[in-house]
Amino acid sequence: MTAEGFLQGRRLQMARGVLLQCIMGGYPPARFYGSDDGDLALVPDPAQIHRLPWSKQPRAFAICDADELTGESSTLSTRGQLKAVIARYTALGLAPVVATELEFFVFAPNIDPTQPFQPPVGLDGRREGGHSAFSVSSNNGLRPFFNEVYQCMAALGLPRDTFMHEMGVSQFEINLLHGDPLLLADQTFLFKHLLKEVALKHGLTVVCMAKPLAHTAGSSMHIHQSIVDTGTGRNVFSNEAGEPTSIFRHFIAGQQACMADFTALFAPNVNSYQRLCHPYASPNNACWSHDNRAAGLRIPASSPVARRVENRLPGADANPYLAIAASLAAGLHGIEHKLEPSEPIQGEFKVPDNLSLPCTLHAALERLTRSQLAKELFGETFIEGYIASKTLELTSFLDEITPWERRVLAAQA
């Protein structure tokens, strides 16, 4: 939209079906979004209108809500779904607090998608060999790129906690500061957009796939969650003596009760399960533990005021609005029904059958299809539309024969 049109308050409308457009560009049948495919209004959030600092031509970016023309939030909007979950907490005098940890890879341009990604050539004229994890000089070869990323974050008001090189080749992680869930979802979404745009300026490619490289750690989007009492500002996961509360237990139990049903919301793509099939540090289970990275739900070591639950299932490819909404809705389900968690696990452990999760997109969609709980929490219209869109993507993937199949199976008798 032109700046003049935006400032005049001109309404931008969009077909409802666009919210269910799949990643290849197609749409499920119209019955999933209304046979008329009528318009929605895109209503900009005044707090999320940003001048884009990386653009030479003056441009602005507005994060919008997708609302029905009657004014209600569209049930197909993931941002709207997150706002609805937050409102349920508000009605109980509670405010969830979250933080996201986003991992991503920086690669050289990948013109031929049949070829593996490669790390870029750095300032020293060499490609990283994979020996820089957590090194203080690990991003020096990409210093011009990261300098502009930091500058653009500051210009957009995106506060960052820590930035580090992760385990993979040319893989990095940012921890965003904890705060309001909607704000963190907006910041995570905006940061991913920023990364890709700045990378293009520097002749680089940023990839937020869950598992872009074989034999290398995948990229997560861990979600840290706590809840405060809106009256006192106190973290309700800890009592006055600093001990865990019953609400803390119920929140964990709700996460455990919902994780299998919600796996397709946390791991939305075929590639998501490539990350989860190597379970260390990418756990595909609903176990919980004190500071054990093999558990899907980890309680990081912290002071009582910072007691929180880390959901380690989502990958970097997850929709931040939907992943945060699903995680918080699961915890609230446990609180409202006073569920009790399993015993915490420590050290090496075997995942009990009742705490295992779907390990393919097909299995995850089958589980979501059977989930009455998901339909109760997010509405039948949203869940059925989401499944329809993701089924199109899965079918598209299964229509292709992979290089592995040609390499390994062609010679078989």
Protein backbone atom coordinates (compact mmCIF):
# COMPACT_ATOMS: atom_id res chain seq x y z
CA MET A 1 0.00 0.00 0.00
CA THR A 2 1.20 3.51 -0.64
CA ALA A 3 2.18 5.61 2.37
CA GLU A 4 -0.55 8.09 1.44
CA GLY A 5 -3.22 5.41 1.39
CA PHE A 6 -2.05 3.96 4.69
CA LEU A 7 -1.98 7.35 6.44
CA GLN A 8 -5.47 8.12 5.14
CA GLY A 9 -6.72 4.96 6.87
CA ARG A 10 -7.63 3.15 3.67
CA ARG A 11 -8.74 -0.38 4.51
CA LEU A 12 -6.78 -3.27 3.03
CA GLN A 13 -8.86 -6.37 2.36
CA MET A 14 -7.75 -9.88 1.50
CA ALA A 15 -9.53 -13.10 0.55
CA ARG A 16 -10.12 -15.34 3.56
CA GLY A 17 -8.63 -18.34 1.79
CA VAL A 18 -5.17 -16.74 1.77
CA LEU A 19 -4.84 -17.67 5.46
CA LEU A 20 -4.89 -21.33 4.42
CA GLN A 21 -2.58 -21.00 1.41
CA CYS A 22 -0.04 -23.83 1.54
CA ILE A 23 3.68 -23.31 1.12
CA MET A 24 3.61 -24.37 -2.55
CA GLY A 25 1.00 -21.69 -3.28
CA GLY A 26 -2.15 -23.80 -3.61
CA TYR A 27 -5.32 -23.89 -1.51
CA PRO A 28 -7.48 -26.58 0.06
CA PRO A 29 -11.13 -26.80 -1.05
CA ALA A 30 -13.17 -23.66 -0.41
CA ARG A 31 -15.34 -25.39 2.21
CA PHE A 32 -12.46 -24.97 4.68
CA TYR A 33 -12.55 -21.16 4.50
CA GLY A 34 -16.09 -20.40 3.34
CA SER A 35 -17.49 -21.23 -0.06
CA ASP A 36 -17.77 -17.55 -1.00
CA ASP A 37 -14.12 -16.89 -0.09
CA GLY A 38 -15.14 -13.48 1.14
CA ASP A 39 -12.78 -10.74 2.28
CA LEU A 40 -11.06 -10.17 5.59
CA ALA A 41 -9.80 -6.78 6.77
CA LEU A 42 -6.08 -6.43 7.55
CA VAL A 43 -6.00 -4.13 10.58
CA PRO A 44 -2.50 -2.83 11.44
CA ASP A 45 -1.33 -2.99 15.05
CA PRO A 46 -0.24 0.60 15.85
CA ALA A 47 2.61 -0.75 18.01
CA GLN A 48 3.96 -2.86 15.14
CA ILE A 49 4.49 -0.37 12.31
CA HIS A 50 8.18 -0.14 11.46
CA ARG A 51 10.34 1.81 9.03
CA LEU A 52 12.61 -0.80 7.42
CA PRO A 53 16.21 0.26 8.10
CA TRP A 54 17.77 -2.04 5.51
CA SER A 55 15.77 -0.60 2.59
CA LYS A 56 17.30 2.21 0.51
CA GLN A 57 13.86 3.19 -0.74
CA PRO A 58 11.73 4.39 2.21
CA ARG A 59 9.47 1.50 3.14
CA ALA A 60 7.47 0.51 6.22
CA PHE A 61 6.25 -2.83 7.52
CA ALA A 62 2.98 -3.21 9.43
CA ILE A 63 1.97 -6.35 11.32
CA CYS A 64 -1.78 -6.73 10.99
CA ASP A 65 -4.66 -8.64 12.52
CA ALA A 66 -6.91 -10.49 10.11
CA ASP A 67 -10.46 -9.55 11.10
CA GLU A 68 -13.86 -10.32 9.67
CA LEU A 69 -15.53 -7.30 8.10
CA THR A 70 -17.92 -7.33 11.07
CA GLY A 71 -14.96 -6.64 13.38
CA GLU A 72 -14.39 -10.04 15.00
CA SER A 73 -11.02 -11.74 14.73
CA SER A 74 -10.89 -14.37 12.01
CA THR A 75 -10.75 -17.87 13.47
CA LEU A 76 -8.20 -18.73 10.76
CA SER A 77 -5.71 -16.11 12.01
CA THR A 78 -2.86 -17.52 14.08
CA ARG A 79 -2.24 -14.08 15.61
CA GLY A 80 -5.91 -13.97 16.53
CA GLN A 81 -5.66 -17.44 18.06
CA LEU A 82 -2.77 -16.29 20.26
CA LYS A 83 -4.68 -13.20 21.38
CA ALA A 84 -7.64 -15.42 22.33
CA VAL A 85 -5.42 -17.66 24.48
CA ILE A 86 -3.92 -14.62 26.24
CA ALA A 87 -7.44 -13.32 26.90
CA ARG A 88 -8.33 -16.57 28.66
CA TYR A 89 -5.39 -16.07 31.02
CA THR A 90 -6.40 -12.43 31.57
CA ALA A 91 -9.90 -13.52 32.63
CA LEU A 92 -8.26 -15.53 35.43
CA GLY A 93 -6.11 -12.62 36.60
CA LEU A 94 -3.00 -14.16 35.04
CA ALA A 95 -0.50 -12.98 32.44
CA PRO A 96 1.75 -15.44 30.62
CA VAL A 97 5.37 -14.41 29.98
CA VAL A 98 7.41 -16.03 27.22
CA ALA A 99 10.79 -15.84 25.54
CA THR A 100 11.91 -17.50 22.32
CA GLU A 101 15.31 -18.89 21.36
CA LEU A 102 15.63 -18.94 17.59
CA GLU A 103 18.35 -20.87 15.77
CA PHE A 104 19.18 -20.36 12.10
CA PHE A 105 21.84 -21.11 9.49
CA VAL A 106 23.73 -18.62 7.32
CA PHE A 107 24.65 -20.13 3.95
CA ALA A 108 26.07 -19.16 0.60
CA PRO A 109 23.40 -18.70 -2.10
CA ASN A 110 21.91 -22.07 -3.08
CA ILE A 111 21.00 -21.72 -6.75
CA ASP A 112 20.50 -25.47 -7.31
CA PRO A 113 18.19 -26.92 -4.62
CA THR A 114 19.32 -30.46 -5.52
CA GLN A 115 22.71 -29.61 -4.03
CA PRO A 116 23.42 -29.34 -0.28
CA PHE A 117 23.73 -25.97 1.42
CA GLN A 118 27.27 -24.65 1.93
CA PRO A 119 28.60 -22.20 4.50
CA PRO A 120 29.53 -18.83 2.98
CA VAL A 121 33.05 -17.61 2.29
CA GLY A 122 34.03 -15.38 5.21
CA LEU A 123 36.30 -12.39 5.52
CA ASP A 124 39.28 -14.75 5.73
CA GLY A 125 38.42 -16.21 2.30
CA ARG A 126 37.48 -19.60 3.74
CA ARG A 127 34.33 -21.54 4.46
CA GLU A 128 33.69 -22.52 8.05
CA GLY A 129 34.61 -26.12 8.79
CA GLY A 130 32.29 -26.68 11.73
CA HIS A 131 34.71 -26.09 14.61
CA SER A 132 33.42 -22.75 15.84
CA ALA A 133 30.56 -23.69 18.18
CA PHE A 134 30.32 -21.20 21.08
CA SER A 135 33.62 -19.55 20.11
CA VAL A 136 33.96 -15.82 20.85
CA SER A 137 35.32 -15.28 17.33
CA SER A 138 32.89 -17.62 15.59
CA ASN A 139 31.00 -14.93 13.65
CA ASN A 140 34.03 -12.81 12.74
CA GLY A 141 34.01 -14.10 9.18
CA LEU A 142 30.49 -12.73 8.78
CA ARG A 143 31.07 -9.53 10.75
CA PRO A 144 29.59 -7.08 8.18
CA PHE A 145 26.37 -9.11 8.04
CA PHE A 146 25.98 -9.39 11.81
CA ASN A 147 26.87 -5.73 12.35
CA GLU A 148 23.96 -4.73 10.13
CA VAL A 149 21.67 -7.27 11.83
CA TYR A 150 22.46 -5.67 15.21
CA GLN A 151 21.94 -2.16 13.81
CA CYS A 152 18.61 -3.10 12.25
CA MET A 153 17.44 -4.78 15.45
CA ALA A 154 18.19 -1.60 17.37
CA ALA A 155 16.39 0.53 14.79
CA LEU A 156 13.31 -1.72 15.00
CA GLY A 157 13.33 -1.81 18.80
CA LEU A 158 14.10 -5.52 18.97
CA PRO A 159 15.95 -6.10 22.27
CA ARG A 160 18.28 -9.09 22.26
CA ASP A 161 19.59 -11.05 25.19
CA THR A 162 22.39 -13.26 23.84
CA PHE A 163 23.69 -14.10 20.37
CA MET A 164 25.97 -17.08 19.83
CA HIS A 165 27.29 -19.60 17.36
CA GLU A 166 25.44 -22.87 17.76
CA MET A 167 26.50 -26.50 17.19
CA GLY A 168 26.01 -26.65 13.42
CA VAL A 169 28.21 -25.36 10.62
CA SER A 170 27.45 -21.63 10.26
CA GLN A 171 24.53 -22.02 12.68
CA PHE A 172 23.64 -19.25 15.12
CA GLU A 173 21.15 -18.58 17.89
CA ILE A 174 19.49 -15.49 19.31
CA ASN A 175 17.66 -15.30 22.63
CA LEU A 176 14.98 -12.64 22.65
CA LEU A 177 14.14 -10.98 25.98
CA HIS A 178 11.12 -12.39 27.81
CA GLY A 179 7.85 -10.48 27.80
CA ASP A 180 4.25 -10.41 26.60
CA PRO A 181 3.53 -13.44 24.35
CA LEU A 182 2.01 -11.41 21.51
CA LEU A 183 4.96 -9.02 21.55
CA LEU A 184 7.43 -11.92 21.48
CA ALA A 185 5.60 -13.60 18.61
CA ASP A 186 5.68 -10.31 16.67
CA GLN A 187 9.38 -9.83 17.47
CA THR A 188 10.26 -13.40 16.44
CA PHE A 189 8.35 -13.01 13.17
CA LEU A 190 9.92 -9.62 12.46
CA PHE A 191 13.41 -10.85 13.33
CA LYS A 192 13.16 -13.76 10.87
CA HIS A 193 12.08 -11.32 8.15
CA LEU A 194 14.95 -8.99 9.07
CA LEU A 195 17.48 -11.84 8.89
CA LYS A 196 16.49 -12.87 5.40
CA GLU A 197 16.38 -9.32 4.04
CA VAL A 198 19.76 -8.29 5.47
CA ALA A 199 21.30 -11.56 4.30
CA LEU A 200 20.23 -10.83 0.72
CA LYS A 201 21.99 -7.44 0.88
CA HIS A 202 25.21 -9.25 1.85
CA GLY A 203 24.96 -12.00 -0.77
CA LEU A 204 23.99 -14.59 1.84
CA THR A 205 21.07 -16.93 2.46
CA VAL A 206 19.52 -17.35 5.91
CA VAL A 207 17.66 -20.64 6.32
CA CYS A 208 15.15 -21.31 9.11
CA MET A 209 14.41 -24.90 8.15
CA ALA A 210 14.31 -27.29 11.07
CA LYS A 211 17.03 -29.52 9.55
CA PRO A 212 18.81 -28.03 6.51
CA LEU A 213 21.99 -30.15 6.79
CA ALA A 214 22.40 -33.89 7.22
CA HIS A 215 24.57 -35.13 10.09
CA THR A 216 24.28 -31.71 11.74
CA ALA A 217 22.16 -30.39 14.58
CA GLY A 218 18.84 -28.90 13.53
CA SER A 219 17.43 -25.49 14.38
CA SER A 220 14.95 -25.06 17.21
CA MET A 221 12.65 -22.35 18.48
CA HIS A 222 12.48 -23.18 22.17
CA ILE A 223 9.71 -21.39 24.07
CA HIS A 224 10.31 -20.37 27.71
CA GLN A 225 7.07 -19.86 29.65
CA SER A 226 6.08 -18.52 33.05
CA ILE A 227 2.94 -16.89 34.46
CA VAL A 228 2.56 -13.85 36.69
CA ASP A 229 -0.34 -12.73 38.84
CA THR A 230 -1.62 -9.50 37.27
CA GLY A 231 -2.42 -8.05 40.69
CA THR A 232 0.90 -8.71 42.44
CA GLY A 233 3.28 -9.25 39.51
CA ARG A 234 4.48 -12.43 41.25
CA ASN A 235 5.56 -15.50 39.29
CA VAL A 236 2.83 -18.00 40.24
CA PHE A 237 5.15 -20.94 39.54
CA SER A 238 6.92 -20.17 42.87
CA ASN A 239 5.43 -19.61 46.33
CA GLU A 240 6.68 -17.14 48.93
CA ALA A 241 9.15 -19.72 50.21
CA GLY A 242 10.57 -20.13 46.69
CA GLU A 243 9.15 -23.63 46.23
CA PRO A 244 7.23 -24.85 43.14
CA THR A 245 3.47 -24.34 43.32
CA SER A 246 0.53 -26.51 42.33
CA ILE A 247 -0.07 -24.20 39.33
CA PHE A 248 3.47 -25.00 38.18
CA ARG A 249 2.70 -28.75 38.32
CA HIS A 250 -0.65 -28.30 36.58
CA PHE A 251 0.96 -26.23 33.80
CA ILE A 252 3.54 -28.96 33.14
CA ALA A 253 0.83 -31.62 33.17
CA GLY A 254 -1.22 -29.68 30.64
CA GLN A 255 1.77 -29.47 28.34
CA GLN A 256 2.27 -33.22 28.67
CA ALA A 257 -1.41 -33.95 28.03
CA CYS A 258 -1.49 -31.89 24.81
CA MET A 259 1.95 -32.29 23.19
CA ALA A 260 1.13 -35.37 21.11
CA ASP A 261 -2.14 -33.87 19.86
CA PHE A 262 -0.40 -30.55 19.10
CA THR A 263 2.80 -31.92 17.51
CA ALA A 264 1.68 -30.87 14.02
CA LEU A 265 1.27 -27.28 15.32
CA PHE A 266 4.82 -27.25 16.74
CA ALA A 267 6.43 -29.24 13.89
CA PRO A 268 4.51 -28.13 10.77
CA ASN A 269 6.65 -29.44 7.90
CA VAL A 270 8.01 -32.73 6.59
CA ASN A 271 11.51 -31.49 7.38
CA SER A 272 10.53 -30.78 11.01
CA TYR A 273 10.72 -34.50 11.76
CA GLN A 274 14.23 -34.80 10.32
CA ARG A 275 15.28 -32.66 13.29
CA LEU A 276 13.28 -34.73 15.76
CA CYS A 277 14.50 -38.15 14.61
CA HIS A 278 17.87 -37.46 16.31
CA PRO A 279 16.47 -36.86 19.76
CA TYR A 280 19.40 -35.47 21.77
CA ALA A 281 18.76 -31.75 22.24
CA SER A 282 15.77 -32.11 19.85
CA PRO A 283 13.52 -34.24 22.00
CA ASN A 284 10.39 -35.78 20.52
CA ASN A 285 8.84 -36.66 23.87
CA ALA A 286 6.56 -35.15 26.50
CA CYS A 287 8.79 -36.03 29.46
CA TRP A 288 9.79 -33.26 31.85
CA SER A 289 12.99 -32.76 33.76
CA HIS A 290 15.03 -30.36 35.81
CA ASP A 291 17.74 -29.14 33.42
CA ASN A 292 17.90 -32.20 31.14
CA ARG A 293 18.05 -31.30 27.46
CA ALA A 294 16.81 -34.74 26.41
CA ALA A 295 13.36 -33.94 27.81
CA GLY A 296 10.71 -32.22 25.70
CA LEU A 297 9.85 -30.06 28.70
CA ARG A 298 12.88 -28.73 30.54
CA ILE A 299 12.94 -26.69 33.73
CA PRO A 300 16.10 -24.57 33.41
CA ALA A 301 18.19 -23.94 36.51
CA SER A 302 17.07 -20.56 37.83
CA SER A 303 16.07 -18.56 40.86
CA PRO A 304 12.45 -18.99 42.09
CA VAL A 305 11.41 -15.66 40.58
CA ALA A 306 12.53 -16.90 37.14
CA ARG A 307 11.07 -20.43 37.41
CA ARG A 308 9.79 -21.36 33.96
CA VAL A 309 8.95 -24.23 31.63
CA GLU A 310 10.89 -24.57 28.39
CA ASN A 311 9.05 -26.27 25.52
CA ARG A 312 11.84 -27.75 23.38
CA LEU A 313 9.68 -29.31 20.66
CA PRO A 314 9.16 -26.42 18.19
CA GLY A 315 11.70 -25.94 15.42
CA ALA A 316 12.81 -22.73 13.76
CA ASP A 317 10.26 -23.45 11.03
CA ALA A 318 7.30 -23.17 13.41
CA ASN A 319 4.83 -20.30 13.15
CA PRO A 320 5.69 -18.32 16.32
CA TYR A 321 2.09 -17.18 16.87
CA LEU A 322 0.69 -20.69 16.59
CA ALA A 323 3.48 -22.43 18.51
CA ILE A 324 3.22 -19.99 21.45
CA ALA A 325 -0.58 -20.16 21.39
CA ALA A 326 -0.57 -23.96 21.41
CA SER A 327 2.00 -24.17 24.20
CA LEU A 328 0.20 -21.65 26.42
CA ALA A 329 -3.22 -23.21 25.70
CA ALA A 330 -1.82 -26.59 26.76
CA GLY A 331 -0.53 -25.18 30.04
CA LEU A 332 -3.83 -23.41 30.74
CA HIS A 333 -5.70 -26.67 30.06
CA GLY A 334 -3.65 -28.28 32.83
CA ILE A 335 -4.31 -25.41 35.24
CA GLU A 336 -8.06 -25.36 34.60
CA HIS A 337 -8.38 -29.13 35.03
CA LYS A 338 -5.81 -29.40 37.86
CA LEU A 339 -3.88 -32.09 36.00
CA GLU A 340 -0.86 -33.72 37.63
CA PRO A 341 2.37 -34.39 35.70
CA SER A 342 4.38 -37.59 35.51
CA GLU A 343 7.45 -37.99 37.67
CA PRO A 344 10.40 -35.92 36.39
CA ILE A 345 13.17 -37.79 34.61
CA GLN A 346 16.92 -37.35 34.99
CA GLY A 347 19.98 -38.77 33.24
CA GLU A 348 19.48 -41.26 30.43
CA PHE A 349 15.93 -42.54 30.22
CA LYS A 350 13.51 -44.54 28.10
CA VAL A 351 10.47 -42.61 26.94
CA PRO A 352 7.23 -44.21 28.21
CA ASP A 353 4.74 -45.02 25.47
CA ASN A 354 2.22 -42.53 26.82
CA LEU A 355 4.78 -39.69 26.55
CA SER A 356 6.06 -40.44 23.05
CA LEU A 357 5.12 -38.13 20.18
CA PRO A 358 4.32 -38.61 16.48
CA CYS A 359 7.54 -38.91 14.50
CA THR A 360 6.29 -38.03 10.99
CA LEU A 361 4.07 -35.28 9.63
CA HIS A 362 1.58 -37.92 8.50
CA ALA A 363 1.32 -39.37 12.01
CA ALA A 364 1.10 -35.90 13.57
CA LEU A 365 -1.75 -34.86 11.26
CA GLU A 366 -3.56 -38.13 11.99
CA ARG A 367 -3.26 -37.40 15.72
CA LEU A 368 -4.47 -33.82 15.26
CA THR A 369 -7.42 -35.05 13.17
CA ARG A 370 -8.57 -37.26 16.07
CA SER A 371 -8.04 -34.56 18.71
CA GLN A 372 -11.27 -33.23 20.20
CA LEU A 373 -9.14 -31.21 22.60
CA ALA A 374 -7.49 -29.27 19.76
CA LYS A 375 -10.89 -28.48 18.26
CA GLU A 376 -12.19 -27.32 21.65
CA LEU A 377 -9.21 -25.02 22.25
CA PHE A 378 -8.75 -23.60 18.74
CA GLY A 379 -12.08 -24.23 17.06
CA GLU A 380 -13.06 -26.82 14.50
CA THR A 381 -12.79 -24.35 11.61
CA PHE A 382 -9.14 -23.56 12.34
CA ILE A 383 -8.02 -27.13 13.03
CA GLU A 384 -9.74 -28.65 10.00
CA GLY A 385 -8.45 -25.88 7.73
CA TYR A 386 -4.91 -26.28 9.07
CA ILE A 387 -5.01 -30.04 8.50
CA ALA A 388 -6.32 -29.55 4.96
CA SER A 389 -3.51 -27.13 4.10
CA LYS A 390 -0.79 -29.32 5.63
CA THR A 391 -2.18 -32.41 3.89
CA LEU A 392 -1.68 -30.65 0.56
CA GLU A 393 1.95 -30.02 1.48
CA LEU A 394 2.51 -33.62 2.57
CA THR A 395 0.94 -34.92 -0.65
CA SER A 396 3.20 -32.64 -2.70
CA PHE A 397 6.26 -34.02 -0.91
CA LEU A 398 5.16 -37.63 -1.47
CA ASP A 399 4.71 -36.90 -5.19
CA GLU A 400 8.50 -36.49 -5.54
CA ILE A 401 11.23 -39.15 -5.60
CA THR A 402 14.26 -38.16 -3.53
CA PRO A 403 17.95 -38.53 -4.47
CA TRP A 404 18.31 -41.11 -1.65
CA GLU A 405 15.73 -43.35 -3.29
CA ARG A 406 17.43 -43.14 -6.67
CA ARG A 407 20.89 -43.64 -5.17
CA VAL A 408 20.11 -46.54 -2.86
CA LEU A 409 17.07 -48.34 -4.21
CA ALA A 410 17.58 -48.23 -7.99
CA ALA A 411 20.20 -51.01 -7.89
CA GLN A 412 18.07 -53.34 -5.80
CA ALA A 413 16.77 -56.51 -7.48
